[in-house]
Amino acid sequence: MNGRIVIVDDEPITRLDIRDMLETSGYEVVGEASDGFEAIRICQEKRPDLVIMDIKMPMLDGLTASKKIIAEGTTSGIILLTAYSDKQYVAKAKAFGALGYLVKPLYEQSLLPMVELSLAKGKEVQNLSKELEKLTQKLEERKVIEKAKGKLMQIENITEEEAYKKIRNISMEKRVPMIEVAELMVMLDE
């Protein structure tokens, strides 16, 4: 399958048409919803690659639901649908991080390329987010190690290089990550 997709529209006929276009092209439709509340719940359960969501729906509109779904990270991307090409909606969609915006009625020749591009961009964004998370964690660990080195340098009156080697040697000898040794050393005076 090319991607796992959730369809959200208050019109059952529209959902059926979109499902048919997607499944015929090899995509897996993992859920359908008729309002924003259902969309949020289904995304939390299914964690789809992409959500295709109407903007105007009863109870909870697609823009608000999109904002919540994107904030929770329960999908890699959202394509918004509307019968209106209002610039205000486009601006909000852009601000919320939607990957695409299509005006109804939908045609296969416009929907499928948008889905393909959105899936690719969604994966790219997801990979960048994971990489950023790793780098942020490494930076935080590095800060703790630097703090531990500083404490060791002060307490034992040794050079920065000697302090680093000491932390590394304890880490290797006790078979625990350097970050754990550093965290314990930082806790000494706290």
N, C-alpha and C. Protein backbone atom coordinates (compact mmCIF):
# COMPACT_ATOMS: atom_id res chain seq x y z
N MET A 1 0.83 -1.19 0.00
CA MET A 1 0.00 0.00 0.00
C MET A 1 0.88 1.25 0.00
N ASN A 2 0.37 2.29 -0.64
CA ASN A 2 1.12 3.54 -0.78
C ASN A 2 1.05 4.45 0.44
N GLY A 3 0.02 4.32 1.25
CA GLY A 3 -0.12 5.17 2.41
C GLY A 3 -1.43 4.89 3.12
N ARG A 4 -1.43 5.14 4.44
CA ARG A 4 -2.62 4.92 5.27
C ARG A 4 -3.32 6.27 5.45
N ILE A 5 -4.59 6.33 5.06
CA ILE A 5 -5.29 7.61 4.99
C ILE A 5 -6.62 7.56 5.75
N VAL A 6 -6.96 8.69 6.40
CA VAL A 6 -8.26 8.87 7.04
C VAL A 6 -8.99 9.95 6.25
N ILE A 7 -10.26 9.70 5.98
CA ILE A 7 -11.11 10.65 5.24
C ILE A 7 -12.11 11.25 6.22
N VAL A 8 -12.22 12.58 6.23
CA VAL A 8 -13.14 13.26 7.15
C VAL A 8 -14.00 14.24 6.35
N ASP A 9 -15.29 13.96 6.31
CA ASP A 9 -16.24 14.84 5.62
C ASP A 9 -17.62 14.50 6.16
N ASP A 10 -18.45 15.51 6.35
CA ASP A 10 -19.79 15.25 6.87
C ASP A 10 -20.74 14.69 5.82
N GLU A 11 -20.31 14.68 4.56
CA GLU A 11 -21.13 14.12 3.48
C GLU A 11 -20.69 12.69 3.17
N PRO A 12 -21.52 11.68 3.46
CA PRO A 12 -21.15 10.29 3.20
C PRO A 12 -20.80 10.02 1.73
N ILE A 13 -21.50 10.68 0.80
CA ILE A 13 -21.23 10.48 -0.63
C ILE A 13 -19.82 10.96 -0.98
N THR A 14 -19.42 12.09 -0.42
CA THR A 14 -18.07 12.62 -0.67
C THR A 14 -17.02 11.65 -0.14
N ARG A 15 -17.25 11.14 1.09
CA ARG A 15 -16.30 10.17 1.66
C ARG A 15 -16.21 8.94 0.77
N LEU A 16 -17.34 8.47 0.29
CA LEU A 16 -17.36 7.28 -0.58
C LEU A 16 -16.59 7.53 -1.87
N ASP A 17 -16.80 8.70 -2.49
CA ASP A 17 -16.08 9.04 -3.72
C ASP A 17 -14.57 9.10 -3.49
N ILE A 18 -14.16 9.74 -2.41
CA ILE A 18 -12.73 9.86 -2.10
C ILE A 18 -12.14 8.49 -1.82
N ARG A 19 -12.86 7.68 -1.03
CA ARG A 19 -12.40 6.32 -0.72
C ARG A 19 -12.17 5.53 -2.01
N ASP A 20 -13.14 5.62 -2.91
CA ASP A 20 -13.05 4.88 -4.18
C ASP A 20 -11.83 5.31 -4.99
N MET A 21 -11.61 6.62 -5.09
CA MET A 21 -10.44 7.13 -5.83
C MET A 21 -9.14 6.65 -5.21
N LEU A 22 -9.07 6.71 -3.89
CA LEU A 22 -7.84 6.34 -3.18
C LEU A 22 -7.56 4.84 -3.27
N GLU A 23 -8.57 4.02 -2.97
CA GLU A 23 -8.37 2.58 -2.98
C GLU A 23 -8.07 2.05 -4.37
N THR A 24 -8.68 2.64 -5.39
CA THR A 24 -8.39 2.25 -6.77
C THR A 24 -6.93 2.51 -7.11
N SER A 25 -6.35 3.52 -6.48
CA SER A 25 -4.96 3.88 -6.75
C SER A 25 -3.98 3.22 -5.77
N GLY A 26 -4.47 2.31 -4.93
CA GLY A 26 -3.58 1.54 -4.06
C GLY A 26 -3.36 2.10 -2.67
N TYR A 27 -4.10 3.12 -2.29
CA TYR A 27 -3.97 3.66 -0.95
C TYR A 27 -4.89 2.89 0.00
N GLU A 28 -4.52 2.84 1.28
CA GLU A 28 -5.32 2.14 2.28
C GLU A 28 -6.09 3.18 3.10
N VAL A 29 -7.40 3.13 3.05
CA VAL A 29 -8.23 4.02 3.87
C VAL A 29 -8.45 3.30 5.20
N VAL A 30 -7.86 3.85 6.27
CA VAL A 30 -7.91 3.19 7.58
C VAL A 30 -9.02 3.72 8.48
N GLY A 31 -9.72 4.76 8.02
CA GLY A 31 -10.82 5.27 8.83
C GLY A 31 -11.55 6.40 8.14
N GLU A 32 -12.78 6.61 8.60
CA GLU A 32 -13.62 7.71 8.10
C GLU A 32 -14.28 8.38 9.29
N ALA A 33 -14.51 9.68 9.15
CA ALA A 33 -15.18 10.43 10.21
C ALA A 33 -16.09 11.47 9.58
N SER A 34 -17.11 11.88 10.34
CA SER A 34 -18.05 12.87 9.81
C SER A 34 -17.95 14.22 10.51
N ASP A 35 -17.06 14.32 11.52
CA ASP A 35 -16.84 15.61 12.16
C ASP A 35 -15.44 15.64 12.78
N GLY A 36 -15.05 16.80 13.27
CA GLY A 36 -13.71 16.99 13.81
C GLY A 36 -13.41 16.14 15.03
N PHE A 37 -14.40 15.95 15.90
CA PHE A 37 -14.18 15.13 17.10
C PHE A 37 -13.83 13.69 16.72
N GLU A 38 -14.61 13.14 15.78
CA GLU A 38 -14.33 11.77 15.31
C GLU A 38 -12.96 11.70 14.65
N ALA A 39 -12.61 12.74 13.90
CA ALA A 39 -11.31 12.78 13.22
C ALA A 39 -10.17 12.70 14.21
N ILE A 40 -10.26 13.48 15.28
CA ILE A 40 -9.21 13.48 16.31
C ILE A 40 -9.08 12.09 16.92
N ARG A 41 -10.22 11.49 17.28
CA ARG A 41 -10.21 10.16 17.90
C ARG A 41 -9.62 9.11 16.97
N ILE A 42 -10.04 9.12 15.71
CA ILE A 42 -9.55 8.13 14.75
C ILE A 42 -8.04 8.30 14.53
N CYS A 43 -7.58 9.54 14.46
CA CYS A 43 -6.14 9.78 14.28
C CYS A 43 -5.34 9.30 15.48
N GLN A 44 -5.89 9.47 16.68
CA GLN A 44 -5.22 8.98 17.88
C GLN A 44 -5.12 7.46 17.86
N GLU A 45 -6.16 6.80 17.36
CA GLU A 45 -6.18 5.33 17.32
C GLU A 45 -5.36 4.77 16.17
N LYS A 46 -5.53 5.32 14.97
CA LYS A 46 -4.95 4.73 13.76
C LYS A 46 -3.59 5.30 13.36
N ARG A 47 -3.28 6.54 13.79
CA ARG A 47 -2.04 7.22 13.43
C ARG A 47 -1.76 7.11 11.92
N PRO A 48 -2.66 7.69 11.11
CA PRO A 48 -2.52 7.57 9.65
C PRO A 48 -1.36 8.41 9.11
N ASP A 49 -0.97 8.08 7.89
CA ASP A 49 0.07 8.86 7.22
C ASP A 49 -0.48 10.20 6.76
N LEU A 50 -1.77 10.23 6.43
CA LEU A 50 -2.39 11.42 5.87
C LEU A 50 -3.86 11.48 6.24
N VAL A 51 -4.36 12.71 6.44
CA VAL A 51 -5.79 12.93 6.69
C VAL A 51 -6.29 13.87 5.60
N ILE A 52 -7.39 13.50 4.98
CA ILE A 52 -8.06 14.36 4.01
C ILE A 52 -9.33 14.83 4.70
N MET A 53 -9.41 16.15 5.00
CA MET A 53 -10.48 16.64 5.86
C MET A 53 -11.17 17.87 5.30
N ASP A 54 -12.50 17.82 5.34
CA ASP A 54 -13.33 18.96 4.95
C ASP A 54 -13.18 20.05 6.02
N ILE A 55 -13.25 21.30 5.61
CA ILE A 55 -13.14 22.40 6.56
C ILE A 55 -14.47 22.63 7.27
N LYS A 56 -15.56 22.73 6.52
CA LYS A 56 -16.87 23.05 7.10
C LYS A 56 -17.60 21.76 7.48
N MET A 57 -17.69 21.53 8.80
CA MET A 57 -18.41 20.36 9.32
C MET A 57 -19.14 20.76 10.59
N PRO A 58 -20.19 20.02 10.94
CA PRO A 58 -20.91 20.33 12.18
C PRO A 58 -20.06 19.99 13.41
N MET A 59 -20.41 20.58 14.51
CA MET A 59 -19.80 20.37 15.82
C MET A 59 -18.37 20.91 15.89
N LEU A 60 -17.42 20.28 15.24
CA LEU A 60 -16.03 20.75 15.26
C LEU A 60 -15.51 20.80 13.83
N ASP A 61 -15.15 22.00 13.40
CA ASP A 61 -14.75 22.18 12.01
C ASP A 61 -13.37 21.57 11.73
N GLY A 62 -13.07 21.44 10.46
CA GLY A 62 -11.82 20.82 10.03
C GLY A 62 -10.57 21.60 10.38
N LEU A 63 -10.65 22.92 10.39
CA LEU A 63 -9.47 23.73 10.74
C LEU A 63 -9.06 23.50 12.20
N THR A 64 -10.04 23.55 13.10
CA THR A 64 -9.75 23.35 14.52
C THR A 64 -9.28 21.93 14.78
N ALA A 65 -9.94 20.95 14.16
CA ALA A 65 -9.51 19.56 14.32
C ALA A 65 -8.10 19.36 13.78
N SER A 66 -7.80 20.00 12.65
CA SER A 66 -6.46 19.89 12.06
C SER A 66 -5.41 20.43 13.01
N LYS A 67 -5.70 21.56 13.60
CA LYS A 67 -4.75 22.17 14.54
C LYS A 67 -4.44 21.20 15.68
N LYS A 68 -5.47 20.57 16.23
CA LYS A 68 -5.30 19.62 17.34
C LYS A 68 -4.53 18.38 16.87
N ILE A 69 -4.89 17.84 15.73
CA ILE A 69 -4.24 16.63 15.21
C ILE A 69 -2.76 16.89 14.93
N ILE A 70 -2.46 18.03 14.33
CA ILE A 70 -1.07 18.37 14.03
C ILE A 70 -0.30 18.59 15.33
N ALA A 71 -0.91 19.27 16.30
CA ALA A 71 -0.25 19.52 17.59
C ALA A 71 0.07 18.21 18.30
N GLU A 72 -0.83 17.23 18.19
CA GLU A 72 -0.61 15.93 18.83
C GLU A 72 0.35 15.05 18.05
N GLY A 73 0.59 15.38 16.79
CA GLY A 73 1.49 14.58 15.97
C GLY A 73 0.94 13.20 15.63
N THR A 74 -0.39 13.10 15.50
CA THR A 74 -0.99 11.80 15.23
C THR A 74 -1.13 11.49 13.75
N THR A 75 -0.62 12.38 12.89
CA THR A 75 -0.53 12.11 11.46
C THR A 75 0.67 12.86 10.91
N SER A 76 1.12 12.44 9.75
CA SER A 76 2.24 13.12 9.11
C SER A 76 1.79 14.31 8.28
N GLY A 77 0.50 14.37 7.95
CA GLY A 77 0.04 15.49 7.15
C GLY A 77 -1.46 15.54 6.98
N ILE A 78 -1.93 16.73 6.60
CA ILE A 78 -3.36 16.94 6.39
C ILE A 78 -3.57 17.72 5.09
N ILE A 79 -4.54 17.24 4.31
CA ILE A 79 -5.03 17.97 3.14
C ILE A 79 -6.42 18.45 3.51
N LEU A 80 -6.66 19.74 3.37
CA LEU A 80 -7.98 20.30 3.68
C LEU A 80 -8.81 20.44 2.42
N LEU A 81 -10.10 20.17 2.56
CA LEU A 81 -11.06 20.27 1.45
C LEU A 81 -12.08 21.34 1.79
N THR A 82 -12.53 22.02 0.77
CA THR A 82 -13.59 23.00 0.98
C THR A 82 -14.29 23.30 -0.33
N ALA A 83 -15.49 23.82 -0.20
CA ALA A 83 -16.22 24.27 -1.39
C ALA A 83 -15.88 25.73 -1.66
N TYR A 84 -15.08 26.32 -0.77
CA TYR A 84 -14.75 27.74 -0.86
C TYR A 84 -13.25 27.94 -1.05
N SER A 85 -12.89 28.84 -1.96
CA SER A 85 -11.46 29.13 -2.14
C SER A 85 -11.13 30.46 -1.45
N ASP A 86 -11.73 30.66 -0.31
CA ASP A 86 -11.56 31.86 0.49
C ASP A 86 -10.12 32.00 0.98
N LYS A 87 -9.53 33.18 0.78
CA LYS A 87 -8.13 33.42 1.18
C LYS A 87 -7.95 33.27 2.68
N GLN A 88 -8.97 33.57 3.44
CA GLN A 88 -8.90 33.44 4.90
C GLN A 88 -8.70 31.97 5.29
N TYR A 89 -9.42 31.06 4.64
CA TYR A 89 -9.25 29.64 4.92
C TYR A 89 -7.86 29.17 4.52
N VAL A 90 -7.40 29.63 3.37
CA VAL A 90 -6.07 29.24 2.89
C VAL A 90 -5.01 29.70 3.89
N ALA A 91 -5.14 30.93 4.38
CA ALA A 91 -4.18 31.46 5.36
C ALA A 91 -4.19 30.64 6.65
N LYS A 92 -5.40 30.30 7.12
CA LYS A 92 -5.50 29.49 8.34
C LYS A 92 -4.92 28.10 8.12
N ALA A 93 -5.22 27.50 6.97
CA ALA A 93 -4.69 26.17 6.66
C ALA A 93 -3.16 26.20 6.66
N LYS A 94 -2.60 27.23 6.08
CA LYS A 94 -1.15 27.38 6.04
C LYS A 94 -0.60 27.55 7.45
N ALA A 95 -1.24 28.38 8.25
CA ALA A 95 -0.80 28.62 9.63
C ALA A 95 -0.85 27.35 10.48
N PHE A 96 -1.84 26.50 10.25
CA PHE A 96 -1.99 25.27 11.02
C PHE A 96 -1.06 24.16 10.53
N GLY A 97 -0.40 24.36 9.39
CA GLY A 97 0.55 23.36 8.90
C GLY A 97 -0.04 22.34 7.95
N ALA A 98 -1.17 22.66 7.32
CA ALA A 98 -1.75 21.73 6.33
C ALA A 98 -0.78 21.60 5.15
N LEU A 99 -0.71 20.40 4.59
CA LEU A 99 0.17 20.15 3.45
C LEU A 99 -0.50 20.44 2.12
N GLY A 100 -1.83 20.50 2.11
CA GLY A 100 -2.53 20.75 0.87
C GLY A 100 -3.90 21.33 1.12
N TYR A 101 -4.46 21.88 0.04
CA TYR A 101 -5.77 22.52 0.11
C TYR A 101 -6.43 22.31 -1.25
N LEU A 102 -7.57 21.65 -1.25
CA LEU A 102 -8.28 21.38 -2.51
C LEU A 102 -9.71 21.92 -2.43
N VAL A 103 -10.18 22.47 -3.56
CA VAL A 103 -11.53 23.00 -3.64
C VAL A 103 -12.43 21.96 -4.30
N LYS A 104 -13.58 21.72 -3.68
CA LYS A 104 -14.56 20.77 -4.23
C LYS A 104 -15.25 21.40 -5.42
N PRO A 105 -15.74 20.62 -6.35
CA PRO A 105 -15.75 19.17 -6.40
C PRO A 105 -14.35 18.63 -6.71
N LEU A 106 -14.07 17.45 -6.16
CA LEU A 106 -12.76 16.82 -6.33
C LEU A 106 -12.72 15.98 -7.59
N TYR A 107 -11.59 16.05 -8.24
CA TYR A 107 -11.35 15.22 -9.41
C TYR A 107 -10.10 14.39 -9.16
N GLU A 108 -10.14 13.17 -9.65
CA GLU A 108 -9.03 12.25 -9.45
C GLU A 108 -7.70 12.85 -9.88
N GLN A 109 -7.69 13.56 -11.02
CA GLN A 109 -6.44 14.12 -11.55
C GLN A 109 -5.87 15.24 -10.66
N SER A 110 -6.66 15.81 -9.77
CA SER A 110 -6.11 16.81 -8.84
C SER A 110 -5.89 16.20 -7.45
N LEU A 111 -6.75 15.27 -7.03
CA LEU A 111 -6.62 14.66 -5.71
C LEU A 111 -5.39 13.77 -5.60
N LEU A 112 -5.20 12.88 -6.55
CA LEU A 112 -4.12 11.88 -6.42
C LEU A 112 -2.71 12.49 -6.41
N PRO A 113 -2.40 13.46 -7.28
CA PRO A 113 -1.08 14.08 -7.17
C PRO A 113 -0.89 14.81 -5.84
N MET A 114 -1.95 15.45 -5.35
CA MET A 114 -1.87 16.15 -4.06
C MET A 114 -1.61 15.16 -2.93
N VAL A 115 -2.27 14.00 -2.98
CA VAL A 115 -2.07 12.96 -1.97
C VAL A 115 -0.63 12.47 -2.02
N GLU A 116 -0.13 12.19 -3.20
CA GLU A 116 1.24 11.67 -3.36
C GLU A 116 2.27 12.67 -2.82
N LEU A 117 2.12 13.93 -3.21
CA LEU A 117 3.04 14.96 -2.73
C LEU A 117 2.93 15.16 -1.22
N SER A 118 1.73 15.15 -0.70
CA SER A 118 1.52 15.35 0.74
C SER A 118 2.11 14.21 1.55
N LEU A 119 1.96 12.99 1.05
CA LEU A 119 2.56 11.84 1.75
C LEU A 119 4.09 11.98 1.79
N ALA A 120 4.67 12.38 0.66
CA ALA A 120 6.13 12.54 0.60
C ALA A 120 6.59 13.66 1.54
N LYS A 121 5.92 14.80 1.50
CA LYS A 121 6.29 15.93 2.38
C LYS A 121 6.06 15.57 3.84
N GLY A 122 5.00 14.85 4.12
CA GLY A 122 4.72 14.43 5.49
C GLY A 122 5.83 13.55 6.05
N LYS A 123 6.31 12.61 5.25
CA LYS A 123 7.42 11.75 5.68
C LYS A 123 8.68 12.56 5.90
N GLU A 124 8.91 13.51 5.00
CA GLU A 124 10.09 14.37 5.11
C GLU A 124 10.04 15.19 6.41
N VAL A 125 8.90 15.77 6.70
CA VAL A 125 8.73 16.57 7.92
C VAL A 125 8.89 15.69 9.16
N GLN A 126 8.32 14.49 9.10
CA GLN A 126 8.41 13.56 10.22
C GLN A 126 9.87 13.18 10.48
N ASN A 127 10.62 12.90 9.41
CA ASN A 127 12.03 12.55 9.56
C ASN A 127 12.83 13.72 10.13
N LEU A 128 12.55 14.92 9.66
CA LEU A 128 13.23 16.11 10.18
C LEU A 128 12.91 16.33 11.66
N SER A 129 11.67 16.09 12.04
CA SER A 129 11.27 16.23 13.44
C SER A 129 12.02 15.24 14.33
N LYS A 130 12.13 14.00 13.86
CA LYS A 130 12.86 12.98 14.63
C LYS A 130 14.33 13.37 14.76
N GLU A 131 14.91 13.86 13.68
CA GLU A 131 16.31 14.27 13.71
C GLU A 131 16.51 15.44 14.66
N LEU A 132 15.60 16.40 14.64
CA LEU A 132 15.67 17.54 15.54
C LEU A 132 15.57 17.09 16.99
N GLU A 133 14.67 16.13 17.25
CA GLU A 133 14.51 15.60 18.60
C GLU A 133 15.81 14.96 19.09
N LYS A 134 16.44 14.16 18.22
CA LYS A 134 17.72 13.51 18.59
C LYS A 134 18.79 14.55 18.88
N LEU A 135 18.90 15.55 18.01
CA LEU A 135 19.92 16.58 18.18
C LEU A 135 19.68 17.40 19.45
N THR A 136 18.43 17.69 19.74
CA THR A 136 18.09 18.43 20.95
C THR A 136 18.48 17.63 22.18
N GLN A 137 18.20 16.33 22.15
CA GLN A 137 18.56 15.46 23.28
C GLN A 137 20.08 15.41 23.44
N LYS A 138 20.80 15.28 22.34
CA LYS A 138 22.26 15.25 22.41
C LYS A 138 22.82 16.55 22.98
N LEU A 139 22.23 17.66 22.57
CA LEU A 139 22.67 18.96 23.07
C LEU A 139 22.44 19.06 24.58
N GLU A 140 21.27 18.61 25.03
CA GLU A 140 20.98 18.64 26.47
C GLU A 140 21.95 17.75 27.24
N GLU A 141 22.24 16.57 26.68
CA GLU A 141 23.21 15.67 27.33
C GLU A 141 24.59 16.32 27.37
N ARG A 142 24.94 16.98 26.28
CA ARG A 142 26.25 17.63 26.22
C ARG A 142 26.37 18.72 27.29
N LYS A 143 25.28 19.45 27.51
CA LYS A 143 25.28 20.49 28.54
C LYS A 143 25.53 19.89 29.92
N VAL A 144 24.91 18.75 30.22
CA VAL A 144 25.08 18.09 31.51
C VAL A 144 26.52 17.60 31.66
N ILE A 145 27.06 17.03 30.60
CA ILE A 145 28.45 16.55 30.64
C ILE A 145 29.41 17.73 30.87
N GLU A 146 29.14 18.85 30.19
CA GLU A 146 29.98 20.04 30.38
C GLU A 146 29.90 20.53 31.83
N LYS A 147 28.70 20.50 32.40
CA LYS A 147 28.52 20.93 33.79
C LYS A 147 29.29 19.99 34.73
N ALA A 148 29.20 18.69 34.46
CA ALA A 148 29.90 17.71 35.30
C ALA A 148 31.42 17.90 35.18
N LYS A 149 31.89 18.17 33.97
CA LYS A 149 33.32 18.43 33.78
C LYS A 149 33.74 19.64 34.60
N GLY A 150 32.93 20.68 34.55
CA GLY A 150 33.23 21.89 35.31
C GLY A 150 33.32 21.63 36.81
N LYS A 151 32.39 20.83 37.32
CA LYS A 151 32.43 20.48 38.75
C LYS A 151 33.69 19.71 39.09
N LEU A 152 34.00 18.72 38.25
CA LEU A 152 35.21 17.92 38.49
C LEU A 152 36.46 18.79 38.45
N MET A 153 36.52 19.68 37.48
CA MET A 153 37.68 20.57 37.35
C MET A 153 37.84 21.42 38.61
N GLN A 154 36.72 21.87 39.14
CA GLN A 154 36.75 22.72 40.32
C GLN A 154 37.11 21.92 41.58
N ILE A 155 36.46 20.77 41.75
CA ILE A 155 36.66 19.96 42.96
C ILE A 155 38.06 19.36 43.01
N GLU A 156 38.49 18.78 41.87
CA GLU A 156 39.76 18.05 41.86
C GLU A 156 40.92 18.87 41.30
N ASN A 157 40.63 20.11 40.91
CA ASN A 157 41.66 20.99 40.35
C ASN A 157 42.40 20.31 39.19
N ILE A 158 41.62 19.84 38.20
CA ILE A 158 42.18 19.16 37.02
C ILE A 158 41.77 19.91 35.76
N THR A 159 42.40 19.53 34.65
CA THR A 159 42.09 20.20 33.38
C THR A 159 40.77 19.67 32.81
N GLU A 160 40.27 20.36 31.82
CA GLU A 160 39.03 19.94 31.15
C GLU A 160 39.19 18.56 30.52
N GLU A 161 40.32 18.35 29.89
CA GLU A 161 40.57 17.05 29.25
C GLU A 161 40.62 15.93 30.28
N GLU A 162 41.26 16.20 31.42
CA GLU A 162 41.33 15.18 32.48
C GLU A 162 39.94 14.88 33.05
N ALA A 163 39.15 15.92 33.20
CA ALA A 163 37.78 15.74 33.71
C ALA A 163 36.97 14.89 32.74
N TYR A 164 37.08 15.16 31.44
CA TYR A 164 36.36 14.39 30.43
C TYR A 164 36.80 12.92 30.48
N LYS A 165 38.11 12.70 30.54
CA LYS A 165 38.63 11.32 30.58
C LYS A 165 38.12 10.59 31.82
N LYS A 166 38.06 11.30 32.94
CA LYS A 166 37.59 10.67 34.18
C LYS A 166 36.13 10.22 34.02
N ILE A 167 35.29 11.11 33.48
CA ILE A 167 33.87 10.74 33.26
C ILE A 167 33.77 9.57 32.30
N ARG A 168 34.54 9.62 31.23
CA ARG A 168 34.52 8.54 30.24
C ARG A 168 35.00 7.22 30.84
N ASN A 169 36.06 7.27 31.66
CA ASN A 169 36.60 6.05 32.28
C ASN A 169 35.60 5.44 33.26
N ILE A 170 34.94 6.27 34.05
CA ILE A 170 33.92 5.76 34.98
C ILE A 170 32.79 5.11 34.19
N SER A 171 32.39 5.78 33.10
CA SER A 171 31.33 5.26 32.23
C SER A 171 31.69 3.87 31.70
N MET A 172 32.92 3.72 31.22
CA MET A 172 33.35 2.44 30.65
C MET A 172 33.50 1.38 31.74
N GLU A 173 34.07 1.76 32.87
CA GLU A 173 34.31 0.83 33.97
C GLU A 173 33.00 0.31 34.56
N LYS A 174 32.03 1.22 34.73
CA LYS A 174 30.75 0.83 35.34
C LYS A 174 29.70 0.40 34.31
N ARG A 175 30.06 0.53 33.04
CA ARG A 175 29.17 0.14 31.94
C ARG A 175 27.82 0.87 31.99
N VAL A 176 27.91 2.17 32.15
CA VAL A 176 26.73 3.03 32.10
C VAL A 176 27.04 4.18 31.15
N PRO A 177 26.04 4.73 30.51
CA PRO A 177 26.30 5.84 29.59
C PRO A 177 26.93 7.05 30.30
N MET A 178 27.74 7.79 29.56
CA MET A 178 28.40 8.97 30.12
C MET A 178 27.40 9.95 30.70
N ILE A 179 26.25 10.06 30.07
CA ILE A 179 25.26 11.01 30.54
C ILE A 179 24.80 10.67 31.96
N GLU A 180 24.68 9.39 32.27
CA GLU A 180 24.27 8.99 33.62
C GLU A 180 25.33 9.35 34.65
N VAL A 181 26.60 9.11 34.30
CA VAL A 181 27.70 9.47 35.20
C VAL A 181 27.69 10.98 35.42
N ALA A 182 27.54 11.73 34.34
CA ALA A 182 27.54 13.19 34.43
C ALA A 182 26.37 13.69 35.28
N GLU A 183 25.17 13.12 35.07
CA GLU A 183 24.00 13.54 35.85
C GLU A 183 24.22 13.32 37.34
N LEU A 184 24.82 12.18 37.70
CA LEU A 184 25.10 11.90 39.11
C LEU A 184 26.12 12.87 39.68
N MET A 185 27.12 13.21 38.88
CA MET A 185 28.13 14.16 39.35
C MET A 185 27.54 15.55 39.55
N VAL A 186 26.62 15.93 38.68
CA VAL A 186 25.96 17.23 38.80
C VAL A 186 25.08 17.28 40.04
N MET A 187 24.51 16.13 40.41
CA MET A 187 23.62 16.04 41.57
C MET A 187 24.39 16.14 42.90
N LEU A 188 25.69 15.95 42.88
CA LEU A 188 26.47 15.92 44.11
C LEU A 188 26.16 17.05 45.07
N ASP A 189 26.14 18.27 44.58
CA ASP A 189 25.96 19.42 45.46
C ASP A 189 24.53 19.96 45.50
N GLU A 190 23.64 19.36 44.75
CA GLU A 190 22.27 19.90 44.67
C GLU A 190 21.42 19.42 45.82
